[in-house]
Amino acid sequence: MATASELREMSVEELGHQLTSARQELFRLRFQASTEKLEAPSNLRKLRRDIARILTIRHEREQSAVAA
């Protein structure tokens, strides 16, 4: 789980990889939550926030590319 400043230093490819792995992990955690075998429910919230951070940074970059 990376901070926003760490994510901003990553390239577009790295962000894409991070996003894919975070979405896969979220799927696994949701599956565990539905079978009531989730050890730390707070990880769901943290992972959703990380995904939102990644998407926000990607959107910022797209908007700056369009503006330039």
PDB file of N, CA and C in Angstrom:
ATOM      1  N   MET A   1       0.847  -1.174   0.000  1.00  0.00           N
ATOM      2  CA  MET A   1       0.000   0.000   0.000  1.00  0.00           C
ATOM      3  C   MET A   1       0.894   1.239   0.000  1.00  0.00           C
ATOM      4  N   ALA A   2       0.801   1.939  -1.066  1.00  0.00           N
ATOM      5  CA  ALA A   2       1.685   3.066  -1.297  1.00  0.00           C
ATOM      6  C   ALA A   2       0.983   4.388  -0.976  1.00  0.00           C
ATOM      7  N   THR A   3       1.793   5.363  -0.656  1.00  0.00           N
ATOM      8  CA  THR A   3       1.250   6.691  -0.423  1.00  0.00           C
ATOM      9  C   THR A   3       1.093   7.396  -1.765  1.00  0.00           C
ATOM     10  N   ALA A   4       0.386   8.501  -1.746  1.00  0.00           N
ATOM     11  CA  ALA A   4       0.136   9.251  -2.980  1.00  0.00           C
ATOM     12  C   ALA A   4       1.438   9.765  -3.581  1.00  0.00           C
ATOM     13  N   SER A   5       2.368  10.193  -2.755  1.00  0.00           N
ATOM     14  CA  SER A   5       3.635  10.703  -3.285  1.00  0.00           C
ATOM     15  C   SER A   5       4.444   9.583  -3.941  1.00  0.00           C
ATOM     16  N   GLU A   6       4.410   8.382  -3.378  1.00  0.00           N
ATOM     17  CA  GLU A   6       5.097   7.245  -3.991  1.00  0.00           C
ATOM     18  C   GLU A   6       4.443   6.883  -5.316  1.00  0.00           C
ATOM     19  N   LEU A   7       3.124   6.948  -5.372  1.00  0.00           N
ATOM     20  CA  LEU A   7       2.412   6.622  -6.598  1.00  0.00           C
ATOM     21  C   LEU A   7       2.694   7.645  -7.692  1.00  0.00           C
ATOM     22  N   ARG A   8       2.838   8.908  -7.326  1.00  0.00           N
ATOM     23  CA  ARG A   8       3.105   9.955  -8.314  1.00  0.00           C
ATOM     24  C   ARG A   8       4.479   9.796  -8.954  1.00  0.00           C
ATOM     25  N   GLU A   9       5.406   9.141  -8.248  1.00  0.00           N
ATOM     26  CA  GLU A   9       6.745   8.929  -8.784  1.00  0.00           C
ATOM     27  C   GLU A   9       6.782   7.766  -9.776  1.00  0.00           C
ATOM     28  N   MET A  10       5.737   6.942  -9.802  1.00  0.00           N
ATOM     29  CA  MET A  10       5.708   5.771 -10.672  1.00  0.00           C
ATOM     30  C   MET A  10       5.354   6.154 -12.105  1.00  0.00           C
ATOM     31  N   SER A  11       5.784   5.304 -13.028  1.00  0.00           N
ATOM     32  CA  SER A  11       5.439   5.510 -14.427  1.00  0.00           C
ATOM     33  C   SER A  11       4.014   5.015 -14.672  1.00  0.00           C
ATOM     34  N   VAL A  12       3.511   5.274 -15.864  1.00  0.00           N
ATOM     35  CA  VAL A  12       2.153   4.863 -16.229  1.00  0.00           C
ATOM     36  C   VAL A  12       2.033   3.337 -16.199  1.00  0.00           C
ATOM     37  N   GLU A  13       3.070   2.649 -16.683  1.00  0.00           N
ATOM     38  CA  GLU A  13       3.054   1.189 -16.699  1.00  0.00           C
ATOM     39  C   GLU A  13       3.034   0.626 -15.284  1.00  0.00           C
ATOM     40  N   GLU A  14       3.836   1.228 -14.409  1.00  0.00           N
ATOM     41  CA  GLU A  14       3.875   0.770 -13.020  1.00  0.00           C
ATOM     42  C   GLU A  14       2.535   1.004 -12.334  1.00  0.00           C
ATOM     43  N   LEU A  15       1.916   2.142 -12.620  1.00  0.00           N
ATOM     44  CA  LEU A  15       0.597   2.410 -12.043  1.00  0.00           C
ATOM     45  C   LEU A  15      -0.432   1.390 -12.527  1.00  0.00           C
ATOM     46  N   GLY A  16      -0.356   1.051 -13.801  1.00  0.00           N
ATOM     47  CA  GLY A  16      -1.262   0.048 -14.344  1.00  0.00           C
ATOM     48  C   GLY A  16      -1.078  -1.296 -13.675  1.00  0.00           C
ATOM     49  N   HIS A  17       0.165  -1.665 -13.430  1.00  0.00           N
ATOM     50  CA  HIS A  17       0.452  -2.928 -12.750  1.00  0.00           C
ATOM     51  C   HIS A  17      -0.064  -2.893 -11.305  1.00  0.00           C
ATOM     52  N   GLN A  18       0.179  -1.775 -10.632  1.00  0.00           N
ATOM     53  CA  GLN A  18      -0.309  -1.617  -9.255  1.00  0.00           C
ATOM     54  C   GLN A  18      -1.838  -1.720  -9.199  1.00  0.00           C
ATOM     55  N   LEU A  19      -2.496  -1.089 -10.160  1.00  0.00           N
ATOM     56  CA  LEU A  19      -3.952  -1.104 -10.205  1.00  0.00           C
ATOM     57  C   LEU A  19      -4.476  -2.520 -10.418  1.00  0.00           C
ATOM     58  N   THR A  20      -3.862  -3.250 -11.328  1.00  0.00           N
ATOM     59  CA  THR A  20      -4.278  -4.624 -11.599  1.00  0.00           C
ATOM     60  C   THR A  20      -4.101  -5.506 -10.372  1.00  0.00           C
ATOM     61  N   SER A  21      -2.968  -5.400  -9.724  1.00  0.00           N
ATOM     62  CA  SER A  21      -2.723  -6.232  -8.554  1.00  0.00           C
ATOM     63  C   SER A  21      -3.634  -5.836  -7.389  1.00  0.00           C
ATOM     64  N   ALA A  22      -3.915  -4.548  -7.237  1.00  0.00           N
ATOM     65  CA  ALA A  22      -4.801  -4.110  -6.166  1.00  0.00           C
ATOM     66  C   ALA A  22      -6.228  -4.606  -6.400  1.00  0.00           C
ATOM     67  N   ARG A  23      -6.684  -4.578  -7.646  1.00  0.00           N
ATOM     68  CA  ARG A  23      -8.026  -5.072  -7.951  1.00  0.00           C
ATOM     69  C   ARG A  23      -8.128  -6.574  -7.730  1.00  0.00           C
ATOM     70  N   GLN A  24      -7.070  -7.311  -8.062  1.00  0.00           N
ATOM     71  CA  GLN A  24      -7.069  -8.751  -7.817  1.00  0.00           C
ATOM     72  C   GLN A  24      -7.105  -9.047  -6.323  1.00  0.00           C
ATOM     73  N   GLU A  25      -6.329  -8.298  -5.558  1.00  0.00           N
ATOM     74  CA  GLU A  25      -6.317  -8.480  -4.106  1.00  0.00           C
ATOM     75  C   GLU A  25      -7.674  -8.130  -3.499  1.00  0.00           C
ATOM     76  N   LEU A  26      -8.304  -7.081  -4.003  1.00  0.00           N
ATOM     77  CA  LEU A  26      -9.631  -6.703  -3.524  1.00  0.00           C
ATOM     78  C   LEU A  26     -10.636  -7.815  -3.793  1.00  0.00           C
ATOM     79  N   PHE A  27     -10.543  -8.441  -4.957  1.00  0.00           N
ATOM     80  CA  PHE A  27     -11.423  -9.552  -5.276  1.00  0.00           C
ATOM     81  C   PHE A  27     -11.234 -10.693  -4.273  1.00  0.00           C
ATOM     82  N   ARG A  28      -9.965 -11.017  -3.979  1.00  0.00           N
ATOM     83  CA  ARG A  28      -9.686 -12.081  -3.011  1.00  0.00           C
ATOM     84  C   ARG A  28     -10.241 -11.743  -1.629  1.00  0.00           C
ATOM     85  N   LEU A  29     -10.061 -10.493  -1.219  1.00  0.00           N
ATOM     86  CA  LEU A  29     -10.548 -10.096   0.100  1.00  0.00           C
ATOM     87  C   LEU A  29     -12.073 -10.119   0.160  1.00  0.00           C
ATOM     88  N   ARG A  30     -12.731  -9.706  -0.913  1.00  0.00           N
ATOM     89  CA  ARG A  30     -14.195  -9.759  -0.940  1.00  0.00           C
ATOM     90  C   ARG A  30     -14.685 -11.191  -0.864  1.00  0.00           C
ATOM     91  N   PHE A  31     -13.982 -12.079  -1.542  1.00  0.00           N
ATOM     92  CA  PHE A  31     -14.351 -13.493  -1.492  1.00  0.00           C
ATOM     93  C   PHE A  31     -14.186 -14.024  -0.073  1.00  0.00           C
ATOM     94  N   GLN A  32     -13.086 -13.683   0.580  1.00  0.00           N
ATOM     95  CA  GLN A  32     -12.867 -14.104   1.961  1.00  0.00           C
ATOM     96  C   GLN A  32     -13.924 -13.521   2.891  1.00  0.00           C
ATOM     97  N   ALA A  33     -14.313 -12.288   2.637  1.00  0.00           N
ATOM     98  CA  ALA A  33     -15.329 -11.645   3.479  1.00  0.00           C
ATOM     99  C   ALA A  33     -16.670 -12.347   3.325  1.00  0.00           C
ATOM    100  N   SER A  34     -16.993 -12.788   2.121  1.00  0.00           N
ATOM    101  CA  SER A  34     -18.283 -13.446   1.907  1.00  0.00           C
ATOM    102  C   SER A  34     -18.310 -14.830   2.548  1.00  0.00           C
ATOM    103  N   THR A  35     -17.144 -15.469   2.670  1.00  0.00           N
ATOM    104  CA  THR A  35     -17.095 -16.777   3.320  1.00  0.00           C
ATOM    105  C   THR A  35     -16.760 -16.656   4.803  1.00  0.00           C
ATOM    106  N   GLU A  36     -16.710 -15.440   5.295  1.00  0.00           N
ATOM    107  CA  GLU A  36     -16.460 -15.131   6.709  1.00  0.00           C
ATOM    108  C   GLU A  36     -15.107 -15.635   7.198  1.00  0.00           C
ATOM    109  N   LYS A  37     -14.109 -15.588   6.331  1.00  0.00           N
ATOM    110  CA  LYS A  37     -12.762 -15.991   6.714  1.00  0.00           C
ATOM    111  C   LYS A  37     -11.782 -14.835   6.620  1.00  0.00           C
ATOM    112  N   LEU A  38     -12.305 -13.632   6.636  1.00  0.00           N
ATOM    113  CA  LEU A  38     -11.458 -12.440   6.521  1.00  0.00           C
ATOM    114  C   LEU A  38     -10.892 -12.102   7.891  1.00  0.00           C
ATOM    115  N   GLU A  39      -9.558 -11.983   7.966  1.00  0.00           N
ATOM    116  CA  GLU A  39      -8.906 -11.724   9.246  1.00  0.00           C
ATOM    117  C   GLU A  39      -8.952 -10.256   9.640  1.00  0.00           C
ATOM    118  N   ALA A  40      -8.758  -9.373   8.662  1.00  0.00           N
ATOM    119  CA  ALA A  40      -8.713  -7.935   8.952  1.00  0.00           C
ATOM    120  C   ALA A  40      -9.665  -7.203   8.012  1.00  0.00           C
ATOM    121  N   PRO A  41     -10.891  -6.949   8.441  1.00  0.00           N
ATOM    122  CA  PRO A  41     -11.852  -6.263   7.573  1.00  0.00           C
ATOM    123  C   PRO A  41     -11.418  -4.857   7.167  1.00  0.00           C
ATOM    124  N   SER A  42     -10.546  -4.247   7.931  1.00  0.00           N
ATOM    125  CA  SER A  42     -10.094  -2.896   7.596  1.00  0.00           C
ATOM    126  C   SER A  42      -9.258  -2.876   6.321  1.00  0.00           C
ATOM    127  N   ASN A  43      -8.714  -4.024   5.936  1.00  0.00           N
ATOM    128  CA  ASN A  43      -7.919  -4.082   4.707  1.00  0.00           C
ATOM    129  C   ASN A  43      -8.758  -3.800   3.473  1.00  0.00           C
ATOM    130  N   LEU A  44     -10.044  -4.142   3.507  1.00  0.00           N
ATOM    131  CA  LEU A  44     -10.931  -3.836   2.384  1.00  0.00           C
ATOM    132  C   LEU A  44     -10.982  -2.336   2.140  1.00  0.00           C
ATOM    133  N   ARG A  45     -11.180  -1.593   3.194  1.00  0.00           N
ATOM    134  CA  ARG A  45     -11.277  -0.135   3.082  1.00  0.00           C
ATOM    135  C   ARG A  45      -9.955   0.468   2.607  1.00  0.00           C
ATOM    136  N   LYS A  46      -8.841  -0.015   3.150  1.00  0.00           N
ATOM    137  CA  LYS A  46      -7.529   0.494   2.756  1.00  0.00           C
ATOM    138  C   LYS A  46      -7.255   0.223   1.284  1.00  0.00           C
ATOM    139  N   LEU A  47      -7.621  -0.963   0.836  1.00  0.00           N
ATOM    140  CA  LEU A  47      -7.383  -1.323  -0.554  1.00  0.00           C
ATOM    141  C   LEU A  47      -8.256  -0.515  -1.503  1.00  0.00           C
ATOM    142  N   ARG A  48      -9.503  -0.281  -1.131  1.00  0.00           N
ATOM    143  CA  ARG A  48     -10.376   0.564  -1.964  1.00  0.00           C
ATOM    144  C   ARG A  48      -9.820   1.977  -2.068  1.00  0.00           C
ATOM    145  N   ARG A  49      -9.270   2.486  -0.999  1.00  0.00           N
ATOM    146  CA  ARG A  49      -8.676   3.827  -1.024  1.00  0.00           C
ATOM    147  C   ARG A  49      -7.427   3.868  -1.892  1.00  0.00           C
ATOM    148  N   ASP A  50      -6.619   2.802  -1.832  1.00  0.00           N
ATOM    149  CA  ASP A  50      -5.435   2.742  -2.697  1.00  0.00           C
ATOM    150  C   ASP A  50      -5.834   2.733  -4.161  1.00  0.00           C
ATOM    151  N   ILE A  51      -6.866   1.973  -4.502  1.00  0.00           N
ATOM    152  CA  ILE A  51      -7.347   1.929  -5.883  1.00  0.00           C
ATOM    153  C   ILE A  51      -7.822   3.315  -6.304  1.00  0.00           C
ATOM    154  N   ALA A  52      -8.525   3.998  -5.427  1.00  0.00           N
ATOM    155  CA  ALA A  52      -8.996   5.347  -5.739  1.00  0.00           C
ATOM    156  C   ALA A  52      -7.826   6.306  -5.938  1.00  0.00           C
ATOM    157  N   ARG A  53      -6.772   6.165  -5.139  1.00  0.00           N
ATOM    158  CA  ARG A  53      -5.588   7.015  -5.302  1.00  0.00           C
ATOM    159  C   ARG A  53      -4.944   6.795  -6.669  1.00  0.00           C
ATOM    160  N   ILE A  54      -4.805   5.531  -7.043  1.00  0.00           N
ATOM    161  CA  ILE A  54      -4.190   5.210  -8.331  1.00  0.00           C
ATOM    162  C   ILE A  54      -5.016   5.790  -9.473  1.00  0.00           C
ATOM    163  N   LEU A  55      -6.317   5.605  -9.413  1.00  0.00           N
ATOM    164  CA  LEU A  55      -7.190   6.120 -10.461  1.00  0.00           C
ATOM    165  C   LEU A  55      -7.166   7.643 -10.517  1.00  0.00           C
ATOM    166  N   THR A  56      -7.080   8.286  -9.377  1.00  0.00           N
ATOM    167  CA  THR A  56      -7.010   9.744  -9.331  1.00  0.00           C
ATOM    168  C   THR A  56      -5.736  10.249  -9.987  1.00  0.00           C
ATOM    169  N   ILE A  57      -4.623   9.618  -9.682  1.00  0.00           N
ATOM    170  CA  ILE A  57      -3.347  10.039 -10.257  1.00  0.00           C
ATOM    171  C   ILE A  57      -3.342   9.807 -11.764  1.00  0.00           C
ATOM    172  N   ARG A  58      -3.889   8.671 -12.221  1.00  0.00           N
ATOM    173  CA  ARG A  58      -3.989   8.423 -13.663  1.00  0.00           C
ATOM    174  C   ARG A  58      -4.847   9.489 -14.332  1.00  0.00           C
ATOM    175  N   HIS A  59      -5.952   9.859 -13.690  1.00  0.00           N
ATOM    176  CA  HIS A  59      -6.842  10.876 -14.256  1.00  0.00           C
ATOM    177  C   HIS A  59      -6.146  12.235 -14.310  1.00  0.00           C
ATOM    178  N   GLU A  60      -5.408  12.578 -13.248  1.00  0.00           N
ATOM    179  CA  GLU A  60      -4.659  13.832 -13.241  1.00  0.00           C
ATOM    180  C   GLU A  60      -3.673  13.903 -14.409  1.00  0.00           C
ATOM    181  N   ARG A  61      -2.989  12.791 -14.637  1.00  0.00           N
ATOM    182  CA  ARG A  61      -2.022  12.758 -15.733  1.00  0.00           C
ATOM    183  C   ARG A  61      -2.697  12.882 -17.090  1.00  0.00           C
ATOM    184  N   GLU A  62      -3.845  12.225 -17.244  1.00  0.00           N
ATOM    185  CA  GLU A  62      -4.589  12.346 -18.503  1.00  0.00           C
ATOM    186  C   GLU A  62      -5.035  13.771 -18.737  1.00  0.00           C
ATOM    187  N   GLN A  63      -5.509  14.431 -17.696  1.00  0.00           N
ATOM    188  CA  GLN A  63      -5.974  15.806 -17.831  1.00  0.00           C
ATOM    189  C   GLN A  63      -4.826  16.747 -18.140  1.00  0.00           C
ATOM    190  N   SER A  64      -3.667  16.528 -17.553  1.00  0.00           N
ATOM    191  CA  SER A  64      -2.522  17.403 -17.835  1.00  0.00           C
ATOM    192  C   SER A  64      -2.018  17.166 -19.258  1.00  0.00           C
ATOM    193  N   ALA A  65      -2.131  15.941 -19.754  1.00  0.00           N
ATOM    194  CA  ALA A  65      -1.717  15.660 -21.128  1.00  0.00           C
ATOM    195  C   ALA A  65      -2.665  16.318 -22.135  1.00  0.00           C
ATOM    196  N   VAL A  66      -3.949  16.345 -21.824  1.00  0.00           N
ATOM    197  CA  VAL A  66      -4.929  16.975 -22.701  1.00  0.00           C
ATOM    198  C   VAL A  66      -4.735  18.493 -22.705  1.00  0.00           C
ATOM    199  N   ALA A  67      -4.449  19.053 -21.543  1.00  0.00           N
ATOM    200  CA  ALA A  67      -4.268  20.493 -21.427  1.00  0.00           C
ATOM    201  C   ALA A  67      -2.995  20.973 -22.131  1.00  0.00           C
ATOM    202  N   ALA A  68      -2.005  20.118 -22.214  1.00  0.00           N
ATOM    203  CA  ALA A  68      -0.723  20.522 -22.806  1.00  0.00           C
ATOM    204  C   ALA A  68      -0.715  20.458 -24.305  1.00  0.00           C
TER     205      ALA A  68
END
